[in-house]
Amino acid sequence: MMRTGLNVIGAHSESSAMIGDRMDTDVLAGLEAGMETFLVLTGLTTESDINQYPYRPTRVVDSIADLVDLI
């Protein structure tokens, strides 16, 4: 699904990132597509939940607002 989305918008995984609030869907999909991943802690996943998974997001932030300066 991620690769199809990237193809539709004419983007490449090396220059795109997945931002999401769930480790088991958003972060996993981004990693499987070869993208950088940003976990936002304003949703379902908490910081203490991250250790339950064998993979890690590229970066964990408290809010989507913390990513504004990266754009």
N, C-alpha and C. Protein backbone atom coordinates (compact mmCIF):
# COMPACT_ATOMS: atom_id res chain seq x y z
N MET A 1 0.82 -1.19 0.00
CA MET A 1 0.00 0.00 0.00
C MET A 1 0.87 1.27 0.00
N MET A 2 1.94 1.25 0.79
CA MET A 2 2.80 2.43 0.85
C MET A 2 3.49 2.67 -0.50
N ARG A 3 3.97 1.62 -1.12
CA ARG A 3 4.64 1.78 -2.41
C ARG A 3 3.67 2.30 -3.47
N THR A 4 2.44 1.84 -3.44
CA THR A 4 1.44 2.34 -4.38
C THR A 4 1.21 3.83 -4.15
N GLY A 5 1.08 4.22 -2.89
CA GLY A 5 0.89 5.64 -2.57
C GLY A 5 2.07 6.48 -3.05
N LEU A 6 3.28 6.00 -2.82
CA LEU A 6 4.47 6.72 -3.29
C LEU A 6 4.47 6.85 -4.81
N ASN A 7 4.10 5.78 -5.49
CA ASN A 7 4.05 5.82 -6.96
C ASN A 7 3.00 6.81 -7.45
N VAL A 8 1.86 6.85 -6.81
CA VAL A 8 0.78 7.75 -7.22
C VAL A 8 1.20 9.22 -7.12
N ILE A 9 1.95 9.54 -6.05
CA ILE A 9 2.36 10.94 -5.88
C ILE A 9 3.73 11.23 -6.48
N GLY A 10 4.34 10.22 -7.08
CA GLY A 10 5.63 10.41 -7.73
C GLY A 10 6.77 10.62 -6.76
N ALA A 11 6.70 9.98 -5.61
CA ALA A 11 7.74 10.14 -4.58
C ALA A 11 8.56 8.85 -4.47
N HIS A 12 9.67 8.93 -3.78
CA HIS A 12 10.54 7.78 -3.56
C HIS A 12 10.70 7.57 -2.06
N SER A 13 10.82 6.34 -1.65
CA SER A 13 10.94 6.04 -0.21
C SER A 13 12.16 6.68 0.42
N GLU A 14 13.22 6.91 -0.34
CA GLU A 14 14.43 7.52 0.21
C GLU A 14 14.25 8.99 0.55
N SER A 15 13.25 9.63 -0.04
CA SER A 15 13.02 11.05 0.23
C SER A 15 11.66 11.30 0.87
N SER A 16 11.07 10.24 1.43
CA SER A 16 9.76 10.35 2.07
C SER A 16 9.84 9.80 3.48
N ALA A 17 8.85 10.14 4.28
CA ALA A 17 8.79 9.65 5.65
C ALA A 17 7.35 9.30 6.01
N MET A 18 7.21 8.35 6.91
CA MET A 18 5.91 7.98 7.44
C MET A 18 5.78 8.57 8.83
N ILE A 19 4.72 9.31 9.06
CA ILE A 19 4.43 9.88 10.37
C ILE A 19 3.16 9.22 10.86
N GLY A 20 3.21 8.67 12.06
CA GLY A 20 2.03 8.01 12.59
C GLY A 20 2.07 7.87 14.09
N ASP A 21 0.96 7.40 14.64
CA ASP A 21 0.85 7.26 16.09
C ASP A 21 0.72 5.80 16.54
N ARG A 22 0.94 4.87 15.62
CA ARG A 22 0.84 3.45 15.97
C ARG A 22 2.07 2.70 15.49
N MET A 23 2.68 1.96 16.40
CA MET A 23 3.84 1.16 16.05
C MET A 23 3.47 0.00 15.13
N ASP A 24 2.33 -0.64 15.40
CA ASP A 24 1.97 -1.87 14.70
C ASP A 24 1.40 -1.65 13.30
N THR A 25 1.07 -0.43 12.95
CA THR A 25 0.57 -0.17 11.60
C THR A 25 1.42 0.88 10.90
N ASP A 26 1.42 2.10 11.41
CA ASP A 26 2.09 3.22 10.75
C ASP A 26 3.61 3.03 10.66
N VAL A 27 4.24 2.79 11.79
CA VAL A 27 5.70 2.65 11.80
C VAL A 27 6.12 1.40 11.03
N LEU A 28 5.44 0.31 11.26
CA LEU A 28 5.78 -0.93 10.55
C LEU A 28 5.64 -0.77 9.04
N ALA A 29 4.56 -0.15 8.58
CA ALA A 29 4.36 0.06 7.14
C ALA A 29 5.47 0.94 6.55
N GLY A 30 5.83 1.99 7.27
CA GLY A 30 6.90 2.87 6.80
C GLY A 30 8.24 2.15 6.71
N LEU A 31 8.56 1.37 7.73
CA LEU A 31 9.81 0.62 7.72
C LEU A 31 9.84 -0.41 6.59
N GLU A 32 8.74 -1.10 6.39
CA GLU A 32 8.69 -2.10 5.32
C GLU A 32 8.81 -1.46 3.94
N ALA A 33 8.42 -0.20 3.83
CA ALA A 33 8.53 0.52 2.55
C ALA A 33 9.89 1.20 2.40
N GLY A 34 10.74 1.11 3.40
CA GLY A 34 12.07 1.70 3.32
C GLY A 34 12.13 3.18 3.62
N MET A 35 11.15 3.67 4.35
CA MET A 35 11.10 5.10 4.68
C MET A 35 11.58 5.37 6.10
N GLU A 36 11.97 6.61 6.36
CA GLU A 36 12.17 7.05 7.72
C GLU A 36 10.80 7.06 8.39
N THR A 37 10.77 6.79 9.69
CA THR A 37 9.50 6.75 10.40
C THR A 37 9.54 7.65 11.62
N PHE A 38 8.45 8.34 11.85
CA PHE A 38 8.32 9.23 12.99
C PHE A 38 7.09 8.81 13.79
N LEU A 39 7.31 8.41 15.02
CA LEU A 39 6.21 8.04 15.91
C LEU A 39 5.81 9.27 16.71
N VAL A 40 4.54 9.64 16.62
CA VAL A 40 4.00 10.79 17.33
C VAL A 40 3.24 10.26 18.54
N LEU A 41 3.58 10.74 19.73
CA LEU A 41 3.00 10.21 20.96
C LEU A 41 1.66 10.84 21.34
N THR A 42 0.99 11.45 20.41
CA THR A 42 -0.32 12.04 20.70
C THR A 42 -1.46 11.07 20.41
N GLY A 43 -1.13 9.86 20.01
CA GLY A 43 -2.16 8.89 19.65
C GLY A 43 -2.16 7.68 20.56
N LEU A 44 -2.34 6.53 19.96
CA LEU A 44 -2.52 5.29 20.69
C LEU A 44 -1.26 4.79 21.39
N THR A 45 -0.12 4.83 20.72
CA THR A 45 1.12 4.28 21.27
C THR A 45 1.76 5.25 22.25
N THR A 46 2.19 4.71 23.39
CA THR A 46 2.91 5.51 24.39
C THR A 46 4.40 5.17 24.30
N GLU A 47 5.21 5.99 24.91
CA GLU A 47 6.66 5.75 24.87
C GLU A 47 7.02 4.40 25.50
N SER A 48 6.32 4.02 26.55
CA SER A 48 6.62 2.74 27.20
C SER A 48 6.20 1.54 26.34
N ASP A 49 5.29 1.73 25.40
CA ASP A 49 4.87 0.65 24.51
C ASP A 49 5.94 0.28 23.49
N ILE A 50 6.83 1.19 23.17
CA ILE A 50 7.81 0.99 22.09
C ILE A 50 8.66 -0.25 22.33
N ASN A 51 9.03 -0.51 23.57
CA ASN A 51 9.89 -1.65 23.87
C ASN A 51 9.23 -3.00 23.63
N GLN A 52 7.95 -3.02 23.39
CA GLN A 52 7.24 -4.28 23.11
C GLN A 52 7.47 -4.75 21.68
N TYR A 53 8.08 -3.93 20.86
CA TYR A 53 8.25 -4.24 19.44
C TYR A 53 9.72 -4.49 19.12
N PRO A 54 9.99 -5.39 18.17
CA PRO A 54 11.39 -5.69 17.81
C PRO A 54 12.00 -4.66 16.85
N TYR A 55 11.25 -3.67 16.46
CA TYR A 55 11.73 -2.62 15.56
C TYR A 55 11.52 -1.27 16.21
N ARG A 56 12.18 -0.26 15.68
CA ARG A 56 12.12 1.09 16.25
C ARG A 56 11.86 2.12 15.17
N PRO A 57 11.11 3.17 15.51
CA PRO A 57 10.95 4.28 14.57
C PRO A 57 12.26 5.05 14.48
N THR A 58 12.42 5.80 13.41
CA THR A 58 13.62 6.64 13.25
C THR A 58 13.68 7.66 14.37
N ARG A 59 12.52 8.19 14.71
CA ARG A 59 12.48 9.25 15.73
C ARG A 59 11.12 9.20 16.43
N VAL A 60 11.11 9.52 17.72
CA VAL A 60 9.88 9.61 18.51
C VAL A 60 9.72 11.05 18.95
N VAL A 61 8.54 11.62 18.72
CA VAL A 61 8.27 13.01 19.10
C VAL A 61 6.97 13.08 19.88
N ASP A 62 6.84 14.10 20.70
CA ASP A 62 5.63 14.27 21.51
C ASP A 62 4.43 14.70 20.68
N SER A 63 4.68 15.52 19.67
CA SER A 63 3.58 16.12 18.91
C SER A 63 4.00 16.31 17.45
N ILE A 64 3.04 16.36 16.59
CA ILE A 64 3.30 16.65 15.18
C ILE A 64 3.97 18.01 15.02
N ALA A 65 3.69 18.91 15.96
CA ALA A 65 4.31 20.24 15.94
C ALA A 65 5.83 20.15 16.06
N ASP A 66 6.33 19.08 16.67
CA ASP A 66 7.78 18.92 16.81
C ASP A 66 8.46 18.62 15.47
N LEU A 67 7.69 18.30 14.46
CA LEU A 67 8.26 17.98 13.15
C LEU A 67 8.26 19.15 12.18
N VAL A 68 7.62 20.24 12.53
CA VAL A 68 7.47 21.38 11.64
C VAL A 68 8.83 21.91 11.18
N ASP A 69 9.77 22.00 12.06
CA ASP A 69 11.10 22.54 11.70
C ASP A 69 11.87 21.61 10.77
N LEU A 70 11.48 20.35 10.67
CA LEU A 70 12.18 19.40 9.80
C LEU A 70 11.73 19.48 8.36
N ILE A 71 10.61 20.11 8.13
CA ILE A 71 10.04 20.17 6.77
C ILE A 71 10.72 21.22 5.94
